[in-house]
Amino acid sequence: MNRIGRILIVLAAIMGADGVMLAAASAHGADASRLASASSMLLFHASAILGAVALAERGIVHAKIGTAAAFGFVLAASLFAGDLTLRHYAGHGLFPMAAPTGGTLLIASWLALAVAAAWPKQR
């Protein structure tokens, strides 16, 4: 496995741990729907990163595009979850439109993964 794949796995593991912490916080707090949404985004996309890395490493999808999609998942889910978490605890977001930007980038990353799967294999 290459270094980039290992970095993505570490980031996915951190996102997974953060997602579990946010799920616990949302279960014990009043009006914590933002935390539940942030948790879901992190947990779901941590798994997606692991899948994209595995697919790229095995040559099932185009490696560069699949890896770019995985990095997109990291950045986008972090933006989305970070904005919601900061809004819950600090009363303000990361920057205007951070969560929608993260959501849009998540959509783009999923589409990039689709392109990576459809890309013809090099011979």
PDB file of N, CA and C in Angstrom:
ATOM      1  N   MET A   1       0.856  -1.179   0.000  1.00  0.00           N
ATOM      2  CA  MET A   1       0.000   0.000   0.000  1.00  0.00           C
ATOM      3  C   MET A   1       0.899   1.239   0.000  1.00  0.00           C
ATOM      4  N   ASN A   2       0.505   2.225  -0.770  1.00  0.00           N
ATOM      5  CA  ASN A   2       1.325   3.428  -0.853  1.00  0.00           C
ATOM      6  C   ASN A   2       1.040   4.383   0.311  1.00  0.00           C
ATOM      7  N   ARG A   3       1.883   5.381   0.423  1.00  0.00           N
ATOM      8  CA  ARG A   3       1.799   6.333   1.536  1.00  0.00           C
ATOM      9  C   ARG A   3       0.487   7.109   1.537  1.00  0.00           C
ATOM     10  N   ILE A   4       0.037   7.503   0.367  1.00  0.00           N
ATOM     11  CA  ILE A   4      -1.208   8.269   0.279  1.00  0.00           C
ATOM     12  C   ILE A   4      -2.383   7.434   0.776  1.00  0.00           C
ATOM     13  N   GLY A   5      -2.404   6.168   0.414  1.00  0.00           N
ATOM     14  CA  GLY A   5      -3.457   5.281   0.899  1.00  0.00           C
ATOM     15  C   GLY A   5      -3.447   5.169   2.416  1.00  0.00           C
ATOM     16  N   ARG A   6      -2.260   5.068   2.997  1.00  0.00           N
ATOM     17  CA  ARG A   6      -2.153   4.995   4.458  1.00  0.00           C
ATOM     18  C   ARG A   6      -2.620   6.289   5.121  1.00  0.00           C
ATOM     19  N   ILE A   7      -2.277   7.414   4.534  1.00  0.00           N
ATOM     20  CA  ILE A   7      -2.725   8.707   5.071  1.00  0.00           C
ATOM     21  C   ILE A   7      -4.253   8.774   5.042  1.00  0.00           C
ATOM     22  N   LEU A   8      -4.846   8.351   3.943  1.00  0.00           N
ATOM     23  CA  LEU A   8      -6.308   8.372   3.834  1.00  0.00           C
ATOM     24  C   LEU A   8      -6.952   7.445   4.865  1.00  0.00           C
ATOM     25  N   ILE A   9      -6.355   6.300   5.119  1.00  0.00           N
ATOM     26  CA  ILE A   9      -6.893   5.382   6.127  1.00  0.00           C
ATOM     27  C   ILE A   9      -6.809   6.006   7.514  1.00  0.00           C
ATOM     28  N   VAL A  10      -5.694   6.672   7.818  1.00  0.00           N
ATOM     29  CA  VAL A  10      -5.564   7.362   9.114  1.00  0.00           C
ATOM     30  C   VAL A  10      -6.633   8.445   9.240  1.00  0.00           C
ATOM     31  N   LEU A  11      -6.828   9.234   8.192  1.00  0.00           N
ATOM     32  CA  LEU A  11      -7.841  10.285   8.229  1.00  0.00           C
ATOM     33  C   LEU A  11      -9.241   9.703   8.390  1.00  0.00           C
ATOM     34  N   ALA A  12      -9.512   8.592   7.708  1.00  0.00           N
ATOM     35  CA  ALA A  12     -10.817   7.942   7.842  1.00  0.00           C
ATOM     36  C   ALA A  12     -11.027   7.445   9.265  1.00  0.00           C
ATOM     37  N   ALA A  13      -9.977   6.902   9.880  1.00  0.00           N
ATOM     38  CA  ALA A  13     -10.093   6.414  11.257  1.00  0.00           C
ATOM     39  C   ALA A  13     -10.362   7.568  12.223  1.00  0.00           C
ATOM     40  N   ILE A  14      -9.703   8.684  12.015  1.00  0.00           N
ATOM     41  CA  ILE A  14      -9.943   9.866  12.855  1.00  0.00           C
ATOM     42  C   ILE A  14     -11.369  10.365  12.663  1.00  0.00           C
ATOM     43  N   MET A  15     -11.825  10.391  11.413  1.00  0.00           N
ATOM     44  CA  MET A  15     -13.200  10.801  11.148  1.00  0.00           C
ATOM     45  C   MET A  15     -14.187   9.851  11.822  1.00  0.00           C
ATOM     46  N   GLY A  16     -13.905   8.557  11.780  1.00  0.00           N
ATOM     47  CA  GLY A  16     -14.773   7.589  12.436  1.00  0.00           C
ATOM     48  C   GLY A  16     -14.836   7.816  13.934  1.00  0.00           C
ATOM     49  N   ALA A  17     -13.683   8.042  14.563  1.00  0.00           N
ATOM     50  CA  ALA A  17     -13.658   8.310  16.002  1.00  0.00           C
ATOM     51  C   ALA A  17     -14.426   9.585  16.329  1.00  0.00           C
ATOM     52  N   ASP A  18     -14.219  10.618  15.530  1.00  0.00           N
ATOM     53  CA  ASP A  18     -14.951  11.875  15.749  1.00  0.00           C
ATOM     54  C   ASP A  18     -16.455  11.674  15.566  1.00  0.00           C
ATOM     55  N   GLY A  19     -16.833  10.861  14.591  1.00  0.00           N
ATOM     56  CA  GLY A  19     -18.241  10.584  14.365  1.00  0.00           C
ATOM     57  C   GLY A  19     -18.883   9.884  15.548  1.00  0.00           C
ATOM     58  N   VAL A  20     -18.167   8.946  16.150  1.00  0.00           N
ATOM     59  CA  VAL A  20     -18.699   8.265  17.337  1.00  0.00           C
ATOM     60  C   VAL A  20     -18.826   9.242  18.499  1.00  0.00           C
ATOM     61  N   MET A  21     -17.829  10.110  18.683  1.00  0.00           N
ATOM     62  CA  MET A  21     -17.904  11.100  19.766  1.00  0.00           C
ATOM     63  C   MET A  21     -19.084  12.047  19.575  1.00  0.00           C
ATOM     64  N   LEU A  22     -19.309  12.479  18.333  1.00  0.00           N
ATOM     65  CA  LEU A  22     -20.441  13.363  18.064  1.00  0.00           C
ATOM     66  C   LEU A  22     -21.770  12.641  18.246  1.00  0.00           C
ATOM     67  N   ALA A  23     -21.812  11.350  17.912  1.00  0.00           N
ATOM     68  CA  ALA A  23     -23.039  10.578  18.144  1.00  0.00           C
ATOM     69  C   ALA A  23     -23.335  10.502  19.632  1.00  0.00           C
ATOM     70  N   ALA A  24     -22.311  10.273  20.440  1.00  0.00           N
ATOM     71  CA  ALA A  24     -22.508  10.230  21.894  1.00  0.00           C
ATOM     72  C   ALA A  24     -22.956  11.586  22.419  1.00  0.00           C
ATOM     73  N   ALA A  25     -22.327  12.643  21.925  1.00  0.00           N
ATOM     74  CA  ALA A  25     -22.706  13.986  22.369  1.00  0.00           C
ATOM     75  C   ALA A  25     -24.148  14.302  21.975  1.00  0.00           C
ATOM     76  N   SER A  26     -24.551  13.869  20.773  1.00  0.00           N
ATOM     77  CA  SER A  26     -25.926  14.159  20.342  1.00  0.00           C
ATOM     78  C   SER A  26     -26.941  13.358  21.146  1.00  0.00           C
ATOM     79  N   ALA A  27     -26.553  12.180  21.625  1.00  0.00           N
ATOM     80  CA  ALA A  27     -27.465  11.356  22.413  1.00  0.00           C
ATOM     81  C   ALA A  27     -27.686  11.915  23.816  1.00  0.00           C
ATOM     82  N   HIS A  28     -26.746  12.705  24.287  1.00  0.00           N
ATOM     83  CA  HIS A  28     -26.827  13.210  25.659  1.00  0.00           C
ATOM     84  C   HIS A  28     -27.149  14.692  25.752  1.00  0.00           C
ATOM     85  N   GLY A  29     -27.327  15.336  24.613  1.00  0.00           N
ATOM     86  CA  GLY A  29     -27.582  16.769  24.635  1.00  0.00           C
ATOM     87  C   GLY A  29     -28.960  17.112  24.121  1.00  0.00           C
ATOM     88  N   ALA A  30     -29.474  18.202  24.627  1.00  0.00           N
ATOM     89  CA  ALA A  30     -30.760  18.707  24.142  1.00  0.00           C
ATOM     90  C   ALA A  30     -30.523  19.448  22.826  1.00  0.00           C
ATOM     91  N   ASP A  31     -31.473  19.355  21.925  1.00  0.00           N
ATOM     92  CA  ASP A  31     -31.409  20.061  20.647  1.00  0.00           C
ATOM     93  C   ASP A  31     -30.077  19.795  19.938  1.00  0.00           C
ATOM     94  N   ALA A  32     -29.748  18.529  19.789  1.00  0.00           N
ATOM     95  CA  ALA A  32     -28.455  18.155  19.225  1.00  0.00           C
ATOM     96  C   ALA A  32     -28.588  17.543  17.829  1.00  0.00           C
ATOM     97  N   SER A  33     -29.590  17.965  17.070  1.00  0.00           N
ATOM     98  CA  SER A  33     -29.785  17.385  15.739  1.00  0.00           C
ATOM     99  C   SER A  33     -28.616  17.709  14.813  1.00  0.00           C
ATOM    100  N   ARG A  34     -27.991  18.869  14.992  1.00  0.00           N
ATOM    101  CA  ARG A  34     -26.821  19.206  14.177  1.00  0.00           C
ATOM    102  C   ARG A  34     -25.687  18.230  14.436  1.00  0.00           C
ATOM    103  N   LEU A  35     -25.498  17.861  15.707  1.00  0.00           N
ATOM    104  CA  LEU A  35     -24.428  16.924  16.037  1.00  0.00           C
ATOM    105  C   LEU A  35     -24.703  15.546  15.450  1.00  0.00           C
ATOM    106  N   ALA A  36     -25.962  15.136  15.443  1.00  0.00           N
ATOM    107  CA  ALA A  36     -26.320  13.845  14.851  1.00  0.00           C
ATOM    108  C   ALA A  36     -26.032  13.851  13.344  1.00  0.00           C
ATOM    109  N   SER A  37     -26.351  14.948  12.684  1.00  0.00           N
ATOM    110  CA  SER A  37     -26.064  15.061  11.250  1.00  0.00           C
ATOM    111  C   SER A  37     -24.569  15.057  10.988  1.00  0.00           C
ATOM    112  N   ALA A  38     -23.821  15.783  11.808  1.00  0.00           N
ATOM    113  CA  ALA A  38     -22.363  15.821  11.659  1.00  0.00           C
ATOM    114  C   ALA A  38     -21.782  14.427  11.871  1.00  0.00           C
ATOM    115  N   SER A  39     -22.286  13.730  12.885  1.00  0.00           N
ATOM    116  CA  SER A  39     -21.828  12.373  13.161  1.00  0.00           C
ATOM    117  C   SER A  39     -22.065  11.454  11.973  1.00  0.00           C
ATOM    118  N   SER A  40     -23.247  11.503  11.424  1.00  0.00           N
ATOM    119  CA  SER A  40     -23.587  10.655  10.286  1.00  0.00           C
ATOM    120  C   SER A  40     -22.685  10.923   9.091  1.00  0.00           C
ATOM    121  N   MET A  41     -22.435  12.189   8.805  1.00  0.00           N
ATOM    122  CA  MET A  41     -21.579  12.524   7.672  1.00  0.00           C
ATOM    123  C   MET A  41     -20.177  11.963   7.863  1.00  0.00           C
ATOM    124  N   LEU A  42     -19.638  12.091   9.073  1.00  0.00           N
ATOM    125  CA  LEU A  42     -18.285  11.595   9.320  1.00  0.00           C
ATOM    126  C   LEU A  42     -18.221  10.076   9.262  1.00  0.00           C
ATOM    127  N   LEU A  43     -19.157   9.417   9.922  1.00  0.00           N
ATOM    128  CA  LEU A  43     -19.125   7.947   9.946  1.00  0.00           C
ATOM    129  C   LEU A  43     -19.340   7.351   8.561  1.00  0.00           C
ATOM    130  N   PHE A  44     -20.318   7.875   7.859  1.00  0.00           N
ATOM    131  CA  PHE A  44     -20.632   7.340   6.538  1.00  0.00           C
ATOM    132  C   PHE A  44     -19.463   7.534   5.576  1.00  0.00           C
ATOM    133  N   HIS A  45     -18.893   8.720   5.576  1.00  0.00           N
ATOM    134  CA  HIS A  45     -17.834   9.000   4.613  1.00  0.00           C
ATOM    135  C   HIS A  45     -16.482   8.437   5.036  1.00  0.00           C
ATOM    136  N   ALA A  46     -16.291   8.160   6.319  1.00  0.00           N
ATOM    137  CA  ALA A  46     -15.088   7.429   6.734  1.00  0.00           C
ATOM    138  C   ALA A  46     -15.089   6.055   6.072  1.00  0.00           C
ATOM    139  N   SER A  47     -16.243   5.413   6.073  1.00  0.00           N
ATOM    140  CA  SER A  47     -16.368   4.111   5.409  1.00  0.00           C
ATOM    141  C   SER A  47     -16.180   4.238   3.900  1.00  0.00           C
ATOM    142  N   ALA A  48     -16.710   5.300   3.327  1.00  0.00           N
ATOM    143  CA  ALA A  48     -16.555   5.525   1.884  1.00  0.00           C
ATOM    144  C   ALA A  48     -15.086   5.721   1.519  1.00  0.00           C
ATOM    145  N   ILE A  49     -14.339   6.394   2.366  1.00  0.00           N
ATOM    146  CA  ILE A  49     -12.907   6.596   2.114  1.00  0.00           C
ATOM    147  C   ILE A  49     -12.188   5.250   2.107  1.00  0.00           C
ATOM    148  N   LEU A  50     -12.476   4.416   3.110  1.00  0.00           N
ATOM    149  CA  LEU A  50     -11.853   3.095   3.161  1.00  0.00           C
ATOM    150  C   LEU A  50     -12.180   2.293   1.906  1.00  0.00           C
ATOM    151  N   GLY A  51     -13.422   2.368   1.467  1.00  0.00           N
ATOM    152  CA  GLY A  51     -13.815   1.665   0.254  1.00  0.00           C
ATOM    153  C   GLY A  51     -13.113   2.198  -0.985  1.00  0.00           C
ATOM    154  N   ALA A  52     -13.040   3.509  -1.103  1.00  0.00           N
ATOM    155  CA  ALA A  52     -12.394   4.114  -2.279  1.00  0.00           C
ATOM    156  C   ALA A  52     -10.911   3.758  -2.322  1.00  0.00           C
ATOM    157  N   VAL A  53     -10.260   3.787  -1.162  1.00  0.00           N
ATOM    158  CA  VAL A  53      -8.839   3.421  -1.106  1.00  0.00           C
ATOM    159  C   VAL A  53      -8.650   1.962  -1.516  1.00  0.00           C
ATOM    160  N   ALA A  54      -9.495   1.077  -0.981  1.00  0.00           N
ATOM    161  CA  ALA A  54      -9.384  -0.345  -1.325  1.00  0.00           C
ATOM    162  C   ALA A  54      -9.611  -0.571  -2.815  1.00  0.00           C
ATOM    163  N   LEU A  55     -10.606   0.088  -3.380  1.00  0.00           N
ATOM    164  CA  LEU A  55     -10.881  -0.060  -4.812  1.00  0.00           C
ATOM    165  C   LEU A  55      -9.734   0.466  -5.666  1.00  0.00           C
ATOM    166  N   ALA A  56      -9.180   1.614  -5.270  1.00  0.00           N
ATOM    167  CA  ALA A  56      -8.064   2.194  -6.020  1.00  0.00           C
ATOM    168  C   ALA A  56      -6.809   1.329  -5.909  1.00  0.00           C
ATOM    169  N   GLU A  57      -6.535   0.830  -4.715  1.00  0.00           N
ATOM    170  CA  GLU A  57      -5.351  -0.006  -4.500  1.00  0.00           C
ATOM    171  C   GLU A  57      -5.420  -1.307  -5.311  1.00  0.00           C
ATOM    172  N   ARG A  58      -6.601  -1.838  -5.496  1.00  0.00           N
ATOM    173  CA  ARG A  58      -6.762  -3.102  -6.203  1.00  0.00           C
ATOM    174  C   ARG A  58      -6.953  -2.906  -7.708  1.00  0.00           C
ATOM    175  N   GLY A  59      -6.963  -1.660  -8.143  1.00  0.00           N
ATOM    176  CA  GLY A  59      -7.108  -1.385  -9.562  1.00  0.00           C
ATOM    177  C   GLY A  59      -8.520  -1.584 -10.091  1.00  0.00           C
ATOM    178  N   ILE A  60      -9.486  -1.630  -9.193  1.00  0.00           N
ATOM    179  CA  ILE A  60     -10.882  -1.808  -9.616  1.00  0.00           C
ATOM    180  C   ILE A  60     -11.430  -0.497 -10.168  1.00  0.00           C
ATOM    181  N   VAL A  61     -10.974   0.623  -9.626  1.00  0.00           N
ATOM    182  CA  VAL A  61     -11.301   1.944 -10.155  1.00  0.00           C
ATOM    183  C   VAL A  61     -10.006   2.630 -10.552  1.00  0.00           C
ATOM    184  N   HIS A  62     -10.114   3.647 -11.367  1.00  0.00           N
ATOM    185  CA  HIS A  62      -8.944   4.443 -11.757  1.00  0.00           C
ATOM    186  C   HIS A  62      -8.295   4.998 -10.487  1.00  0.00           C
ATOM    187  N   ALA A  63      -7.033   4.659 -10.278  1.00  0.00           N
ATOM    188  CA  ALA A  63      -6.375   4.942  -8.998  1.00  0.00           C
ATOM    189  C   ALA A  63      -6.320   6.431  -8.671  1.00  0.00           C
ATOM    190  N   LYS A  64      -5.925   7.258  -9.618  1.00  0.00           N
ATOM    191  CA  LYS A  64      -5.773   8.693  -9.322  1.00  0.00           C
ATOM    192  C   LYS A  64      -7.116   9.358  -9.067  1.00  0.00           C
ATOM    193  N   ILE A  65      -8.106   9.019  -9.866  1.00  0.00           N
ATOM    194  CA  ILE A  65      -9.430   9.620  -9.687  1.00  0.00           C
ATOM    195  C   ILE A  65     -10.070   9.104  -8.405  1.00  0.00           C
ATOM    196  N   GLY A  66      -9.934   7.813  -8.129  1.00  0.00           N
ATOM    197  CA  GLY A  66     -10.468   7.247  -6.895  1.00  0.00           C
ATOM    198  C   GLY A  66      -9.826   7.849  -5.661  1.00  0.00           C
ATOM    199  N   THR A  67      -8.510   8.071  -5.726  1.00  0.00           N
ATOM    200  CA  THR A  67      -7.809   8.702  -4.607  1.00  0.00           C
ATOM    201  C   THR A  67      -8.248  10.153  -4.441  1.00  0.00           C
ATOM    202  N   ALA A  68      -8.433  10.852  -5.548  1.00  0.00           N
ATOM    203  CA  ALA A  68      -8.927  12.236  -5.474  1.00  0.00           C
ATOM    204  C   ALA A  68     -10.321  12.273  -4.855  1.00  0.00           C
ATOM    205  N   ALA A  69     -11.172  11.301  -5.205  1.00  0.00           N
ATOM    206  CA  ALA A  69     -12.512  11.230  -4.610  1.00  0.00           C
ATOM    207  C   ALA A  69     -12.410  11.004  -3.111  1.00  0.00           C
ATOM    208  N   ALA A  70     -11.491  10.138  -2.687  1.00  0.00           N
ATOM    209  CA  ALA A  70     -11.315   9.874  -1.258  1.00  0.00           C
ATOM    210  C   ALA A  70     -10.874  11.136  -0.515  1.00  0.00           C
ATOM    211  N   PHE A  71      -9.936  11.886  -1.085  1.00  0.00           N
ATOM    212  CA  PHE A  71      -9.533  13.150  -0.460  1.00  0.00           C
ATOM    213  C   PHE A  71     -10.690  14.146  -0.447  1.00  0.00           C
ATOM    214  N   GLY A  72     -11.510  14.116  -1.499  1.00  0.00           N
ATOM    215  CA  GLY A  72     -12.703  14.966  -1.518  1.00  0.00           C
ATOM    216  C   GLY A  72     -13.644  14.621  -0.383  1.00  0.00           C
ATOM    217  N   PHE A  73     -13.825  13.318  -0.119  1.00  0.00           N
ATOM    218  CA  PHE A  73     -14.665  12.896   1.012  1.00  0.00           C
ATOM    219  C   PHE A  73     -14.119  13.441   2.333  1.00  0.00           C
ATOM    220  N   VAL A  74     -12.793  13.382   2.505  1.00  0.00           N
ATOM    221  CA  VAL A  74     -12.185  13.879   3.748  1.00  0.00           C
ATOM    222  C   VAL A  74     -12.469  15.369   3.916  1.00  0.00           C
ATOM    223  N   LEU A  75     -12.144  16.141   2.902  1.00  0.00           N
ATOM    224  CA  LEU A  75     -12.309  17.591   2.980  1.00  0.00           C
ATOM    225  C   LEU A  75     -13.777  17.970   3.138  1.00  0.00           C
ATOM    226  N   ALA A  76     -14.634  17.380   2.325  1.00  0.00           N
ATOM    227  CA  ALA A  76     -16.043  17.760   2.310  1.00  0.00           C
ATOM    228  C   ALA A  76     -16.758  17.376   3.602  1.00  0.00           C
ATOM    229  N   ALA A  77     -16.553  16.153   4.072  1.00  0.00           N
ATOM    230  CA  ALA A  77     -17.210  15.733   5.311  1.00  0.00           C
ATOM    231  C   ALA A  77     -16.698  16.541   6.489  1.00  0.00           C
ATOM    232  N   SER A  78     -15.408  16.884   6.464  1.00  0.00           N
ATOM    233  CA  SER A  78     -14.845  17.712   7.537  1.00  0.00           C
ATOM    234  C   SER A  78     -15.446  19.113   7.532  1.00  0.00           C
ATOM    235  N   LEU A  79     -15.608  19.688   6.351  1.00  0.00           N
ATOM    236  CA  LEU A  79     -16.250  21.005   6.243  1.00  0.00           C
ATOM    237  C   LEU A  79     -17.678  20.957   6.767  1.00  0.00           C
ATOM    238  N   PHE A  80     -18.424  19.980   6.287  1.00  0.00           N
ATOM    239  CA  PHE A  80     -19.826  19.856   6.663  1.00  0.00           C
ATOM    240  C   PHE A  80     -19.969  19.636   8.166  1.00  0.00           C
ATOM    241  N   ALA A  81     -19.281  18.633   8.683  1.00  0.00           N
ATOM    242  CA  ALA A  81     -19.396  18.295  10.104  1.00  0.00           C
ATOM    243  C   ALA A  81     -18.789  19.382  10.987  1.00  0.00           C
ATOM    244  N   GLY A  82     -17.687  19.943  10.548  1.00  0.00           N
ATOM    245  CA  GLY A  82     -17.051  21.007  11.335  1.00  0.00           C
ATOM    246  C   GLY A  82     -17.945  22.222  11.466  1.00  0.00           C
ATOM    247  N   ASP A  83     -18.603  22.577  10.382  1.00  0.00           N
ATOM    248  CA  ASP A  83     -19.501  23.730  10.425  1.00  0.00           C
ATOM    249  C   ASP A  83     -20.682  23.477  11.365  1.00  0.00           C
ATOM    250  N   LEU A  84     -21.307  22.305  11.253  1.00  0.00           N
ATOM    251  CA  LEU A  84     -22.440  21.992  12.123  1.00  0.00           C
ATOM    252  C   LEU A  84     -22.034  21.910  13.593  1.00  0.00           C
ATOM    253  N   THR A  85     -20.884  21.322  13.852  1.00  0.00           N
ATOM    254  CA  THR A  85     -20.402  21.192  15.235  1.00  0.00           C
ATOM    255  C   THR A  85     -20.076  22.554  15.825  1.00  0.00           C
ATOM    256  N   LEU A  86     -19.416  23.390  15.059  1.00  0.00           N
ATOM    257  CA  LEU A  86     -19.085  24.734  15.548  1.00  0.00           C
ATOM    258  C   LEU A  86     -20.354  25.550  15.779  1.00  0.00           C
ATOM    259  N   ARG A  87     -21.337  25.402  14.905  1.00  0.00           N
ATOM    260  CA  ARG A  87     -22.610  26.109  15.108  1.00  0.00           C
ATOM    261  C   ARG A  87     -23.276  25.659  16.407  1.00  0.00           C
ATOM    262  N   HIS A  88     -23.185  24.372  16.707  1.00  0.00           N
ATOM    263  CA  HIS A  88     -23.804  23.864  17.933  1.00  0.00           C
ATOM    264  C   HIS A  88     -23.088  24.395  19.175  1.00  0.00           C
ATOM    265  N   TYR A  89     -21.770  24.317  19.199  1.00  0.00           N
ATOM    266  CA  TYR A  89     -21.027  24.663  20.409  1.00  0.00           C
ATOM    267  C   TYR A  89     -20.651  26.139  20.530  1.00  0.00           C
ATOM    268  N   ALA A  90     -20.400  26.805  19.401  1.00  0.00           N
ATOM    269  CA  ALA A  90     -19.940  28.193  19.459  1.00  0.00           C
ATOM    270  C   ALA A  90     -20.990  29.195  19.013  1.00  0.00           C
ATOM    271  N   GLY A  91     -22.047  28.707  18.354  1.00  0.00           N
ATOM    272  CA  GLY A  91     -23.086  29.618  17.904  1.00  0.00           C
ATOM    273  C   GLY A  91     -22.811  30.268  16.561  1.00  0.00           C
ATOM    274  N   HIS A  92     -21.724  29.880  15.916  1.00  0.00           N
ATOM    275  CA  HIS A  92     -21.418  30.392  14.572  1.00  0.00           C
ATOM    276  C   HIS A  92     -20.704  29.301  13.787  1.00  0.00           C
ATOM    277  N   GLY A  93     -20.733  29.420  12.474  1.00  0.00           N
ATOM    278  CA  GLY A  93     -20.128  28.410  11.623  1.00  0.00           C
ATOM    279  C   GLY A  93     -18.683  28.715  11.285  1.00  0.00           C
ATOM    280  N   LEU A  94     -18.095  27.852  10.470  1.00  0.00           N
ATOM    281  CA  LEU A  94     -16.711  28.043  10.028  1.00  0.00           C
ATOM    282  C   LEU A  94     -16.572  29.295   9.173  1.00  0.00           C
ATOM    283  N   PHE A  95     -17.431  29.389   8.169  1.00  0.00           N
ATOM    284  CA  PHE A  95     -17.501  30.549   7.278  1.00  0.00           C
ATOM    285  C   PHE A  95     -18.840  30.456   6.564  1.00  0.00           C
ATOM    286  N   PRO A  96     -19.312  31.540   5.968  1.00  0.00           N
ATOM    287  CA  PRO A  96     -20.615  31.472   5.291  1.00  0.00           C
ATOM    288  C   PRO A  96     -20.629  30.383   4.212  1.00  0.00           C
ATOM    289  N   MET A  97     -21.668  29.592   4.234  1.00  0.00           N
ATOM    290  CA  MET A  97     -21.893  28.532   3.246  1.00  0.00           C
ATOM    291  C   MET A  97     -20.913  27.357   3.375  1.00  0.00           C
ATOM    292  N   ALA A  98     -20.302  27.162   4.543  1.00  0.00           N
ATOM    293  CA  ALA A  98     -19.356  26.060   4.712  1.00  0.00           C
ATOM    294  C   ALA A  98     -20.049  24.705   4.579  1.00  0.00           C
ATOM    295  N   ALA A  99     -21.159  24.508   5.267  1.00  0.00           N
ATOM    296  CA  ALA A  99     -21.857  23.223   5.192  1.00  0.00           C
ATOM    297  C   ALA A  99     -22.374  22.937   3.776  1.00  0.00           C
ATOM    298  N   PRO A 100     -23.016  23.905   3.107  1.00  0.00           N
ATOM    299  CA  PRO A 100     -23.443  23.635   1.730  1.00  0.00           C
ATOM    300  C   PRO A 100     -22.262  23.388   0.780  1.00  0.00           C
ATOM    301  N   THR A 101     -21.156  24.070   1.024  1.00  0.00           N
ATOM    302  CA  THR A 101     -19.956  23.827   0.214  1.00  0.00           C
ATOM    303  C   THR A 101     -19.472  22.401   0.426  1.00  0.00           C
ATOM    304  N   GLY A 102     -19.448  21.965   1.681  1.00  0.00           N
ATOM    305  CA  GLY A 102     -19.065  20.591   1.978  1.00  0.00           C
ATOM    306  C   GLY A 102     -20.015  19.595   1.331  1.00  0.00           C
ATOM    307  N   GLY A 103     -21.309  19.866   1.413  1.00  0.00           N
ATOM    308  CA  GLY A 103     -22.295  18.985   0.796  1.00  0.00           C
ATOM    309  C   GLY A 103     -22.138  18.890  -0.711  1.00  0.00           C
ATOM    310  N   THR A 104     -21.889  20.019  -1.339  1.00  0.00           N
ATOM    311  CA  THR A 104     -21.687  20.037  -2.790  1.00  0.00           C
ATOM    312  C   THR A 104     -20.427  19.265  -3.162  1.00  0.00           C
ATOM    313  N   LEU A 105     -19.369  19.437  -2.368  1.00  0.00           N
ATOM    314  CA  LEU A 105     -18.137  18.706  -2.628  1.00  0.00           C
ATOM    315  C   LEU A 105     -18.319  17.203  -2.386  1.00  0.00           C
ATOM    316  N   LEU A 106     -19.176  16.829  -1.446  1.00  0.00           N
ATOM    317  CA  LEU A 106     -19.480  15.407  -1.251  1.00  0.00           C
ATOM    318  C   LEU A 106     -20.142  14.825  -2.500  1.00  0.00           C
ATOM    319  N   ILE A 107     -21.090  15.552  -3.053  1.00  0.00           N
ATOM    320  CA  ILE A 107     -21.750  15.099  -4.280  1.00  0.00           C
ATOM    321  C   ILE A 107     -20.724  14.950  -5.393  1.00  0.00           C
ATOM    322  N   ALA A 108     -19.853  15.950  -5.541  1.00  0.00           N
ATOM    323  CA  ALA A 108     -18.820  15.899  -6.576  1.00  0.00           C
ATOM    324  C   ALA A 108     -17.867  14.722  -6.357  1.00  0.00           C
ATOM    325  N   SER A 109     -17.552  14.425  -5.113  1.00  0.00           N
ATOM    326  CA  SER A 109     -16.662  13.303  -4.817  1.00  0.00           C
ATOM    327  C   SER A 109     -17.304  11.966  -5.162  1.00  0.00           C
ATOM    328  N   TRP A 110     -18.599  11.832  -4.860  1.00  0.00           N
ATOM    329  CA  TRP A 110     -19.302  10.607  -5.245  1.00  0.00           C
ATOM    330  C   TRP A 110     -19.324  10.459  -6.764  1.00  0.00           C
ATOM    331  N   LEU A 111     -19.554  11.566  -7.471  1.00  0.00           N
ATOM    332  CA  LEU A 111     -19.549  11.504  -8.935  1.00  0.00           C
ATOM    333  C   LEU A 111     -18.162  11.184  -9.470  1.00  0.00           C
ATOM    334  N   ALA A 112     -17.121  11.703  -8.805  1.00  0.00           N
ATOM    335  CA  ALA A 112     -15.750  11.380  -9.206  1.00  0.00           C
ATOM    336  C   ALA A 112     -15.476   9.889  -9.021  1.00  0.00           C
ATOM    337  N   LEU A 113     -15.994   9.312  -7.947  1.00  0.00           N
ATOM    338  CA  LEU A 113     -15.828   7.876  -7.738  1.00  0.00           C
ATOM    339  C   LEU A 113     -16.542   7.091  -8.843  1.00  0.00           C
ATOM    340  N   ALA A 114     -17.694   7.580  -9.275  1.00  0.00           N
ATOM    341  CA  ALA A 114     -18.404   6.934 -10.387  1.00  0.00           C
ATOM    342  C   ALA A 114     -17.577   7.007 -11.670  1.00  0.00           C
ATOM    343  N   VAL A 115     -16.979   8.162 -11.914  1.00  0.00           N
ATOM    344  CA  VAL A 115     -16.104   8.316 -13.088  1.00  0.00           C
ATOM    345  C   VAL A 115     -14.906   7.373 -12.976  1.00  0.00           C
ATOM    346  N   ALA A 116     -14.336   7.254 -11.775  1.00  0.00           N
ATOM    347  CA  ALA A 116     -13.196   6.367 -11.564  1.00  0.00           C
ATOM    348  C   ALA A 116     -13.558   4.917 -11.882  1.00  0.00           C
ATOM    349  N   ALA A 117     -14.798   4.541 -11.578  1.00  0.00           N
ATOM    350  CA  ALA A 117     -15.239   3.177 -11.878  1.00  0.00           C
ATOM    351  C   ALA A 117     -15.503   2.987 -13.369  1.00  0.00           C
ATOM    352  N   ALA A 118     -15.973   4.012 -14.024  1.00  0.00           N
ATOM    353  CA  ALA A 118     -16.318   3.914 -15.438  1.00  0.00           C
ATOM    354  C   ALA A 118     -15.112   4.124 -16.358  1.00  0.00           C
ATOM    355  N   TRP A 119     -14.042   4.694 -15.824  1.00  0.00           N
ATOM    356  CA  TRP A 119     -12.865   5.005 -16.632  1.00  0.00           C
ATOM    357  C   TRP A 119     -12.268   3.708 -17.194  1.00  0.00           C
ATOM    358  N   PRO A 120     -11.961   3.701 -18.471  1.00  0.00           N
ATOM    359  CA  PRO A 120     -11.393   2.467 -19.045  1.00  0.00           C
ATOM    360  C   PRO A 120     -10.042   2.135 -18.406  1.00  0.00           C
ATOM    361  N   LYS A 121      -9.820   0.848 -18.190  1.00  0.00           N
ATOM    362  CA  LYS A 121      -8.556   0.412 -17.606  1.00  0.00           C
ATOM    363  C   LYS A 121      -7.432   0.616 -18.602  1.00  0.00           C
ATOM    364  N   GLN A 122      -6.279   1.036 -18.093  1.00  0.00           N
ATOM    365  CA  GLN A 122      -5.103   1.195 -18.959  1.00  0.00           C
ATOM    366  C   GLN A 122      -4.471  -0.174 -19.164  1.00  0.00           C
ATOM    367  N   ARG A 123      -3.959  -0.377 -20.332  1.00  0.00           N
ATOM    368  CA  ARG A 123      -3.327  -1.681 -20.640  1.00  0.00           C
ATOM    369  C   ARG A 123      -1.853  -1.538 -20.720  1.00  0.00           C
TER     370      ARG A 123
END
